[in-house]
Amino acid sequence: MRFEVPESELRWRFDTSGGPGGQHANRSNTRVELTFDIEHSRVFDVPTRRRVMEKLGTRIRISEDGSLSQSTNRKRAVHRLGDHLDR
């Protein structure tokens, strides 16, 4: 089952990426952290929310820094969130 999570329910944090990638990666905020609060989301009806929280907890936190592009890392994080919710 695929869920549409509105952008307003996603919380983003950006930071410099650690590890290899040269000076650009170390100065730019390319690392993203995405947090989705399942407990307070309006995406799910009550029974679905309970089932999702039993499997995943009250929040999902995803970090992504595989790309030198913040935009790409944001897209990857959203894709991973979808994968978690589809389980």
PDB file of N, CA and C in Angstrom:
ATOM      1  N   MET A   1       0.839  -1.174   0.000  1.00  0.00           N
ATOM      2  CA  MET A   1       0.000   0.000   0.000  1.00  0.00           C
ATOM      3  C   MET A   1       0.888   1.243   0.000  1.00  0.00           C
ATOM      4  N   ARG A   2       0.630   2.168  -0.877  1.00  0.00           N
ATOM      5  CA  ARG A   2       1.430   3.390  -0.980  1.00  0.00           C
ATOM      6  C   ARG A   2       0.706   4.541  -0.298  1.00  0.00           C
ATOM      7  N   PHE A   3       1.427   5.291   0.514  1.00  0.00           N
ATOM      8  CA  PHE A   3       0.854   6.419   1.228  1.00  0.00           C
ATOM      9  C   PHE A   3       1.425   7.721   0.670  1.00  0.00           C
ATOM     10  N   GLU A   4       0.585   8.732   0.545  1.00  0.00           N
ATOM     11  CA  GLU A   4       1.007  10.067   0.130  1.00  0.00           C
ATOM     12  C   GLU A   4       1.199  10.917   1.381  1.00  0.00           C
ATOM     13  N   VAL A   5       2.437  11.232   1.685  1.00  0.00           N
ATOM     14  CA  VAL A   5       2.736  12.046   2.856  1.00  0.00           C
ATOM     15  C   VAL A   5       2.927  13.485   2.381  1.00  0.00           C
ATOM     16  N   PRO A   6       2.120  14.420   2.887  1.00  0.00           N
ATOM     17  CA  PRO A   6       2.279  15.810   2.463  1.00  0.00           C
ATOM     18  C   PRO A   6       3.606  16.392   2.949  1.00  0.00           C
ATOM     19  N   GLU A   7       4.169  17.266   2.153  1.00  0.00           N
ATOM     20  CA  GLU A   7       5.443  17.907   2.493  1.00  0.00           C
ATOM     21  C   GLU A   7       5.376  18.582   3.863  1.00  0.00           C
ATOM     22  N   SER A   8       4.206  19.072   4.232  1.00  0.00           N
ATOM     23  CA  SER A   8       4.058  19.771   5.510  1.00  0.00           C
ATOM     24  C   SER A   8       4.278  18.846   6.716  1.00  0.00           C
ATOM     25  N   GLU A   9       4.208  17.535   6.512  1.00  0.00           N
ATOM     26  CA  GLU A   9       4.422  16.592   7.612  1.00  0.00           C
ATOM     27  C   GLU A   9       5.855  16.062   7.669  1.00  0.00           C
ATOM     28  N   LEU A  10       6.693  16.514   6.772  1.00  0.00           N
ATOM     29  CA  LEU A  10       8.090  16.096   6.769  1.00  0.00           C
ATOM     30  C   LEU A  10       8.939  17.171   7.426  1.00  0.00           C
ATOM     31  N   ARG A  11       9.834  16.762   8.284  1.00  0.00           N
ATOM     32  CA  ARG A  11      10.770  17.681   8.931  1.00  0.00           C
ATOM     33  C   ARG A  11      12.160  17.397   8.390  1.00  0.00           C
ATOM     34  N   TRP A  12      12.823  18.443   7.924  1.00  0.00           N
ATOM     35  CA  TRP A  12      14.136  18.307   7.307  1.00  0.00           C
ATOM     36  C   TRP A  12      15.194  19.003   8.156  1.00  0.00           C
ATOM     37  N   ARG A  13      16.376  18.412   8.156  1.00  0.00           N
ATOM     38  CA  ARG A  13      17.552  19.025   8.758  1.00  0.00           C
ATOM     39  C   ARG A  13      18.703  18.791   7.803  1.00  0.00           C
ATOM     40  N   PHE A  14      19.557  19.772   7.649  1.00  0.00           N
ATOM     41  CA  PHE A  14      20.668  19.677   6.708  1.00  0.00           C
ATOM     42  C   PHE A  14      21.974  19.934   7.442  1.00  0.00           C
ATOM     43  N   ASP A  15      22.995  19.204   7.017  1.00  0.00           N
ATOM     44  CA  ASP A  15      24.294  19.307   7.677  1.00  0.00           C
ATOM     45  C   ASP A  15      25.373  19.000   6.659  1.00  0.00           C
ATOM     46  N   THR A  16      26.600  19.270   7.045  1.00  0.00           N
ATOM     47  CA  THR A  16      27.706  18.925   6.162  1.00  0.00           C
ATOM     48  C   THR A  16      27.898  17.416   6.157  1.00  0.00           C
ATOM     49  N   SER A  17      28.276  16.916   5.019  1.00  0.00           N
ATOM     50  CA  SER A  17      28.485  15.482   4.854  1.00  0.00           C
ATOM     51  C   SER A  17      29.880  15.121   5.319  1.00  0.00           C
ATOM     52  N   GLY A  18      29.995  14.044   6.064  1.00  0.00           N
ATOM     53  CA  GLY A  18      31.304  13.574   6.484  1.00  0.00           C
ATOM     54  C   GLY A  18      31.884  12.613   5.468  1.00  0.00           C
ATOM     55  N   GLY A  19      33.112  12.253   5.639  1.00  0.00           N
ATOM     56  CA  GLY A  19      33.727  11.259   4.765  1.00  0.00           C
ATOM     57  C   GLY A  19      34.271  11.851   3.486  1.00  0.00           C
ATOM     58  N   PRO A  20      34.550  10.986   2.501  1.00  0.00           N
ATOM     59  CA  PRO A  20      35.174  11.434   1.263  1.00  0.00           C
ATOM     60  C   PRO A  20      34.239  12.328   0.451  1.00  0.00           C
ATOM     61  N   GLY A  21      34.829  13.067  -0.469  1.00  0.00           N
ATOM     62  CA  GLY A  21      34.038  13.920  -1.337  1.00  0.00           C
ATOM     63  C   GLY A  21      34.686  15.262  -1.575  1.00  0.00           C
ATOM     64  N   GLY A  22      35.827  15.477  -0.956  1.00  0.00           N
ATOM     65  CA  GLY A  22      36.540  16.718  -1.193  1.00  0.00           C
ATOM     66  C   GLY A  22      36.003  17.864  -0.362  1.00  0.00           C
ATOM     67  N   GLN A  23      36.577  19.017  -0.599  1.00  0.00           N
ATOM     68  CA  GLN A  23      36.229  20.190   0.201  1.00  0.00           C
ATOM     69  C   GLN A  23      34.785  20.615   0.000  1.00  0.00           C
ATOM     70  N   HIS A  24      34.249  20.441  -1.195  1.00  0.00           N
ATOM     71  CA  HIS A  24      32.869  20.855  -1.463  1.00  0.00           C
ATOM     72  C   HIS A  24      31.909  20.136  -0.509  1.00  0.00           C
ATOM     73  N   ALA A  25      32.063  18.833  -0.371  1.00  0.00           N
ATOM     74  CA  ALA A  25      31.155  18.047   0.485  1.00  0.00           C
ATOM     75  C   ALA A  25      31.295  18.445   1.944  1.00  0.00           C
ATOM     76  N   ASN A  26      32.481  18.855   2.352  1.00  0.00           N
ATOM     77  CA  ASN A  26      32.701  19.195   3.748  1.00  0.00           C
ATOM     78  C   ASN A  26      32.198  20.591   4.096  1.00  0.00           C
ATOM     79  N   ARG A  27      31.965  21.448   3.100  1.00  0.00           N
ATOM     80  CA  ARG A  27      31.490  22.810   3.351  1.00  0.00           C
ATOM     81  C   ARG A  27      30.005  22.982   3.065  1.00  0.00           C
ATOM     82  N   SER A  28      29.450  22.139   2.238  1.00  0.00           N
ATOM     83  CA  SER A  28      28.062  22.285   1.823  1.00  0.00           C
ATOM     84  C   SER A  28      27.150  21.411   2.672  1.00  0.00           C
ATOM     85  N   ASN A  29      25.949  21.889   2.876  1.00  0.00           N
ATOM     86  CA  ASN A  29      24.962  21.132   3.658  1.00  0.00           C
ATOM     87  C   ASN A  29      24.257  20.126   2.766  1.00  0.00           C
ATOM     88  N   THR A  30      24.985  19.087   2.372  1.00  0.00           N
ATOM     89  CA  THR A  30      24.426  18.091   1.463  1.00  0.00           C
ATOM     90  C   THR A  30      23.799  16.906   2.189  1.00  0.00           C
ATOM     91  N   ARG A  31      24.200  16.665   3.431  1.00  0.00           N
ATOM     92  CA  ARG A  31      23.625  15.569   4.209  1.00  0.00           C
ATOM     93  C   ARG A  31      22.227  15.989   4.661  1.00  0.00           C
ATOM     94  N   VAL A  32      21.267  15.096   4.497  1.00  0.00           N
ATOM     95  CA  VAL A  32      19.899  15.411   4.914  1.00  0.00           C
ATOM     96  C   VAL A  32      19.441  14.413   5.967  1.00  0.00           C
ATOM     97  N   GLU A  33      18.619  14.909   6.857  1.00  0.00           N
ATOM     98  CA  GLU A  33      17.950  14.051   7.823  1.00  0.00           C
ATOM     99  C   GLU A  33      16.461  14.353   7.715  1.00  0.00           C
ATOM    100  N   LEU A  34      15.698  13.325   7.448  1.00  0.00           N
ATOM    101  CA  LEU A  34      14.255  13.431   7.280  1.00  0.00           C
ATOM    102  C   LEU A  34      13.581  12.757   8.468  1.00  0.00           C
ATOM    103  N   THR A  35      12.656  13.456   9.101  1.00  0.00           N
ATOM    104  CA  THR A  35      11.891  12.888  10.206  1.00  0.00           C
ATOM    105  C   THR A  35      10.409  12.965   9.862  1.00  0.00           C
ATOM    106  N   PHE A  36       9.727  11.843  10.067  1.00  0.00           N
ATOM    107  CA  PHE A  36       8.292  11.768   9.850  1.00  0.00           C
ATOM    108  C   PHE A  36       7.650  11.285  11.143  1.00  0.00           C
ATOM    109  N   ASP A  37       6.759  12.096  11.691  1.00  0.00           N
ATOM    110  CA  ASP A  37       6.083  11.812  12.953  1.00  0.00           C
ATOM    111  C   ASP A  37       4.795  11.030  12.659  1.00  0.00           C
ATOM    112  N   ILE A  38       4.884   9.729  12.789  1.00  0.00           N
ATOM    113  CA  ILE A  38       3.748   8.850  12.490  1.00  0.00           C
ATOM    114  C   ILE A  38       2.598   9.116  13.451  1.00  0.00           C
ATOM    115  N   GLU A  39       2.929   9.294  14.712  1.00  0.00           N
ATOM    116  CA  GLU A  39       1.919   9.431  15.758  1.00  0.00           C
ATOM    117  C   GLU A  39       0.972  10.609  15.516  1.00  0.00           C
ATOM    118  N   HIS A  40       1.483  11.696  14.966  1.00  0.00           N
ATOM    119  CA  HIS A  40       0.664  12.891  14.771  1.00  0.00           C
ATOM    120  C   HIS A  40       0.303  13.140  13.310  1.00  0.00           C
ATOM    121  N   SER A  41       0.576  12.195  12.466  1.00  0.00           N
ATOM    122  CA  SER A  41       0.296  12.352  11.044  1.00  0.00           C
ATOM    123  C   SER A  41      -1.194  12.237  10.752  1.00  0.00           C
ATOM    124  N   ARG A  42      -1.633  12.958   9.742  1.00  0.00           N
ATOM    125  CA  ARG A  42      -3.026  12.868   9.291  1.00  0.00           C
ATOM    126  C   ARG A  42      -3.165  11.936   8.092  1.00  0.00           C
ATOM    127  N   VAL A  43      -2.079  11.296   7.717  1.00  0.00           N
ATOM    128  CA  VAL A  43      -2.071  10.401   6.557  1.00  0.00           C
ATOM    129  C   VAL A  43      -2.888   9.137   6.824  1.00  0.00           C
ATOM    130  N   PHE A  44      -2.854   8.667   8.054  1.00  0.00           N
ATOM    131  CA  PHE A  44      -3.434   7.363   8.384  1.00  0.00           C
ATOM    132  C   PHE A  44      -4.726   7.501   9.173  1.00  0.00           C
ATOM    133  N   ASP A  45      -5.628   6.546   8.970  1.00  0.00           N
ATOM    134  CA  ASP A  45      -6.755   6.446   9.885  1.00  0.00           C
ATOM    135  C   ASP A  45      -6.226   5.782  11.163  1.00  0.00           C
ATOM    136  N   VAL A  46      -7.020   5.762  12.204  1.00  0.00           N
ATOM    137  CA  VAL A  46      -6.546   5.286  13.519  1.00  0.00           C
ATOM    138  C   VAL A  46      -6.051   3.836  13.477  1.00  0.00           C
ATOM    139  N   PRO A  47      -6.793   2.881  12.907  1.00  0.00           N
ATOM    140  CA  PRO A  47      -6.282   1.497  12.892  1.00  0.00           C
ATOM    141  C   PRO A  47      -4.976   1.347  12.111  1.00  0.00           C
ATOM    142  N   THR A  48      -4.874   2.062  10.993  1.00  0.00           N
ATOM    143  CA  THR A  48      -3.637   1.988  10.193  1.00  0.00           C
ATOM    144  C   THR A  48      -2.479   2.604  10.950  1.00  0.00           C
ATOM    145  N   ARG A  49      -2.717   3.746  11.607  1.00  0.00           N
ATOM    146  CA  ARG A  49      -1.661   4.395  12.389  1.00  0.00           C
ATOM    147  C   ARG A  49      -1.138   3.446  13.464  1.00  0.00           C
ATOM    148  N   ARG A  50      -2.047   2.760  14.148  1.00  0.00           N
ATOM    149  CA  ARG A  50      -1.623   1.818  15.203  1.00  0.00           C
ATOM    150  C   ARG A  50      -0.756   0.705  14.628  1.00  0.00           C
ATOM    151  N   ARG A  51      -1.188   0.153  13.491  1.00  0.00           N
ATOM    152  CA  ARG A  51      -0.403  -0.924  12.851  1.00  0.00           C
ATOM    153  C   ARG A  51       0.979  -0.434  12.449  1.00  0.00           C
ATOM    154  N   VAL A  52       1.026   0.751  11.845  1.00  0.00           N
ATOM    155  CA  VAL A  52       2.316   1.301  11.399  1.00  0.00           C
ATOM    156  C   VAL A  52       3.221   1.562  12.594  1.00  0.00           C
ATOM    157  N   MET A  53       2.665   2.112  13.671  1.00  0.00           N
ATOM    158  CA  MET A  53       3.484   2.394  14.860  1.00  0.00           C
ATOM    159  C   MET A  53       3.961   1.114  15.529  1.00  0.00           C
ATOM    160  N   GLU A  54       3.164   0.045  15.475  1.00  0.00           N
ATOM    161  CA  GLU A  54       3.611  -1.240  16.025  1.00  0.00           C
ATOM    162  C   GLU A  54       4.841  -1.736  15.287  1.00  0.00           C
ATOM    163  N   LYS A  55       4.883  -1.513  13.982  1.00  0.00           N
ATOM    164  CA  LYS A  55       6.012  -1.988  13.174  1.00  0.00           C
ATOM    165  C   LYS A  55       7.198  -1.031  13.206  1.00  0.00           C
ATOM    166  N   LEU A  56       6.933   0.296  13.196  1.00  0.00           N
ATOM    167  CA  LEU A  56       8.008   1.259  12.970  1.00  0.00           C
ATOM    168  C   LEU A  56       8.270   2.211  14.133  1.00  0.00           C
ATOM    169  N   GLY A  57       7.416   2.197  15.143  1.00  0.00           N
ATOM    170  CA  GLY A  57       7.550   3.162  16.228  1.00  0.00           C
ATOM    171  C   GLY A  57       6.783   4.431  15.903  1.00  0.00           C
ATOM    172  N   THR A  58       6.955   5.462  16.732  1.00  0.00           N
ATOM    173  CA  THR A  58       6.182   6.682  16.557  1.00  0.00           C
ATOM    174  C   THR A  58       6.787   7.630  15.532  1.00  0.00           C
ATOM    175  N   ARG A  59       8.066   7.448  15.221  1.00  0.00           N
ATOM    176  CA  ARG A  59       8.751   8.320  14.254  1.00  0.00           C
ATOM    177  C   ARG A  59       9.684   7.508  13.382  1.00  0.00           C
ATOM    178  N   ILE A  60       9.852   8.017  12.181  1.00  0.00           N
ATOM    179  CA  ILE A  60      10.867   7.462  11.276  1.00  0.00           C
ATOM    180  C   ILE A  60      11.890   8.566  11.067  1.00  0.00           C
ATOM    181  N   ARG A  61      13.157   8.242  11.239  1.00  0.00           N
ATOM    182  CA  ARG A  61      14.246   9.190  11.000  1.00  0.00           C
ATOM    183  C   ARG A  61      15.189   8.566   9.980  1.00  0.00           C
ATOM    184  N   ILE A  62      15.409   9.271   8.895  1.00  0.00           N
ATOM    185  CA  ILE A  62      16.243   8.772   7.806  1.00  0.00           C
ATOM    186  C   ILE A  62      17.349   9.784   7.539  1.00  0.00           C
ATOM    187  N   SER A  63      18.588   9.312   7.480  1.00  0.00           N
ATOM    188  CA  SER A  63      19.729  10.142   7.095  1.00  0.00           C
ATOM    189  C   SER A  63      20.214   9.686   5.734  1.00  0.00           C
ATOM    190  N   GLU A  64      20.565  10.640   4.905  1.00  0.00           N
ATOM    191  CA  GLU A  64      21.054  10.322   3.566  1.00  0.00           C
ATOM    192  C   GLU A  64      22.174  11.292   3.213  1.00  0.00           C
ATOM    193  N   ASP A  65      23.326  10.737   2.840  1.00  0.00           N
ATOM    194  CA  ASP A  65      24.448  11.576   2.417  1.00  0.00           C
ATOM    195  C   ASP A  65      25.250  10.924   1.297  1.00  0.00           C
ATOM    196  N   GLY A  66      24.596  10.085   0.513  1.00  0.00           N
ATOM    197  CA  GLY A  66      25.280   9.337  -0.534  1.00  0.00           C
ATOM    198  C   GLY A  66      25.646  10.146  -1.756  1.00  0.00           C
ATOM    199  N   SER A  67      25.108  11.361  -1.862  1.00  0.00           N
ATOM    200  CA  SER A  67      25.375  12.193  -3.030  1.00  0.00           C
ATOM    201  C   SER A  67      25.962  13.528  -2.582  1.00  0.00           C
ATOM    202  N   LEU A  68      26.649  14.193  -3.486  1.00  0.00           N
ATOM    203  CA  LEU A  68      27.153  15.536  -3.205  1.00  0.00           C
ATOM    204  C   LEU A  68      26.063  16.587  -3.414  1.00  0.00           C
ATOM    205  N   SER A  69      24.877  16.146  -3.802  1.00  0.00           N
ATOM    206  CA  SER A  69      23.760  17.041  -4.072  1.00  0.00           C
ATOM    207  C   SER A  69      22.701  16.916  -2.976  1.00  0.00           C
ATOM    208  N   GLN A  70      22.362  18.036  -2.351  1.00  0.00           N
ATOM    209  CA  GLN A  70      21.309  18.018  -1.340  1.00  0.00           C
ATOM    210  C   GLN A  70      19.986  17.578  -1.965  1.00  0.00           C
ATOM    211  N   SER A  71      19.718  18.033  -3.157  1.00  0.00           N
ATOM    212  CA  SER A  71      18.471  17.675  -3.847  1.00  0.00           C
ATOM    213  C   SER A  71      18.366  16.164  -4.062  1.00  0.00           C
ATOM    214  N   THR A  72      19.450  15.563  -4.511  1.00  0.00           N
ATOM    215  CA  THR A  72      19.456  14.108  -4.717  1.00  0.00           C
ATOM    216  C   THR A  72      19.279  13.379  -3.397  1.00  0.00           C
ATOM    217  N   ASN A  73      19.947  13.840  -2.364  1.00  0.00           N
ATOM    218  CA  ASN A  73      19.819  13.196  -1.053  1.00  0.00           C
ATOM    219  C   ASN A  73      18.405  13.343  -0.501  1.00  0.00           C
ATOM    220  N   ARG A  74      17.754  14.466  -0.766  1.00  0.00           N
ATOM    221  CA  ARG A  74      16.356  14.642  -0.344  1.00  0.00           C
ATOM    222  C   ARG A  74      15.464  13.622  -1.055  1.00  0.00           C
ATOM    223  N   LYS A  75      15.652  13.475  -2.361  1.00  0.00           N
ATOM    224  CA  LYS A  75      14.849  12.517  -3.132  1.00  0.00           C
ATOM    225  C   LYS A  75      15.077  11.094  -2.639  1.00  0.00           C
ATOM    226  N   ARG A  76      16.313  10.758  -2.348  1.00  0.00           N
ATOM    227  CA  ARG A  76      16.619   9.412  -1.849  1.00  0.00           C
ATOM    228  C   ARG A  76      15.973   9.174  -0.484  1.00  0.00           C
ATOM    229  N   ALA A  77      15.998  10.190   0.377  1.00  0.00           N
ATOM    230  CA  ALA A  77      15.395  10.060   1.708  1.00  0.00           C
ATOM    231  C   ALA A  77      13.886   9.850   1.598  1.00  0.00           C
ATOM    232  N   VAL A  78      13.230  10.593   0.711  1.00  0.00           N
ATOM    233  CA  VAL A  78      11.786  10.435   0.523  1.00  0.00           C
ATOM    234  C   VAL A  78      11.483   9.034  -0.020  1.00  0.00           C
ATOM    235  N   HIS A  79      12.311   8.564  -0.938  1.00  0.00           N
ATOM    236  CA  HIS A  79      12.116   7.216  -1.483  1.00  0.00           C
ATOM    237  C   HIS A  79      12.255   6.167  -0.373  1.00  0.00           C
ATOM    238  N   ARG A  80      13.252   6.336   0.479  1.00  0.00           N
ATOM    239  CA  ARG A  80      13.446   5.390   1.590  1.00  0.00           C
ATOM    240  C   ARG A  80      12.276   5.452   2.570  1.00  0.00           C
ATOM    241  N   LEU A  81      11.742   6.653   2.807  1.00  0.00           N
ATOM    242  CA  LEU A  81      10.561   6.766   3.667  1.00  0.00           C
ATOM    243  C   LEU A  81       9.415   5.954   3.075  1.00  0.00           C
ATOM    244  N   GLY A  82       9.192   6.082   1.780  1.00  0.00           N
ATOM    245  CA  GLY A  82       8.146   5.293   1.120  1.00  0.00           C
ATOM    246  C   GLY A  82       8.370   3.814   1.278  1.00  0.00           C
ATOM    247  N   ASP A  83       9.618   3.373   1.145  1.00  0.00           N
ATOM    248  CA  ASP A  83       9.937   1.951   1.328  1.00  0.00           C
ATOM    249  C   ASP A  83       9.578   1.474   2.741  1.00  0.00           C
ATOM    250  N   HIS A  84       9.897   2.295   3.744  1.00  0.00           N
ATOM    251  CA  HIS A  84       9.571   1.941   5.140  1.00  0.00           C
ATOM    252  C   HIS A  84       8.064   1.805   5.327  1.00  0.00           C
ATOM    253  N   LEU A  85       7.325   2.772   4.792  1.00  0.00           N
ATOM    254  CA  LEU A  85       5.872   2.762   4.986  1.00  0.00           C
ATOM    255  C   LEU A  85       5.188   1.654   4.215  1.00  0.00           C
ATOM    256  N   ASP A  86       5.800   1.197   3.124  1.00  0.00           N
ATOM    257  CA  ASP A  86       5.198   0.150   2.303  1.00  0.00           C
ATOM    258  C   ASP A  86       5.424  -1.253   2.848  1.00  0.00           C
ATOM    259  N   ARG A  87       6.256  -1.383   3.831  1.00  0.00           N
ATOM    260  CA  ARG A  87       6.557  -2.719   4.380  1.00  0.00           C
ATOM    261  C   ARG A  87       5.355  -3.354   5.004  1.00  0.00           C
TER     262      ARG A  87
END
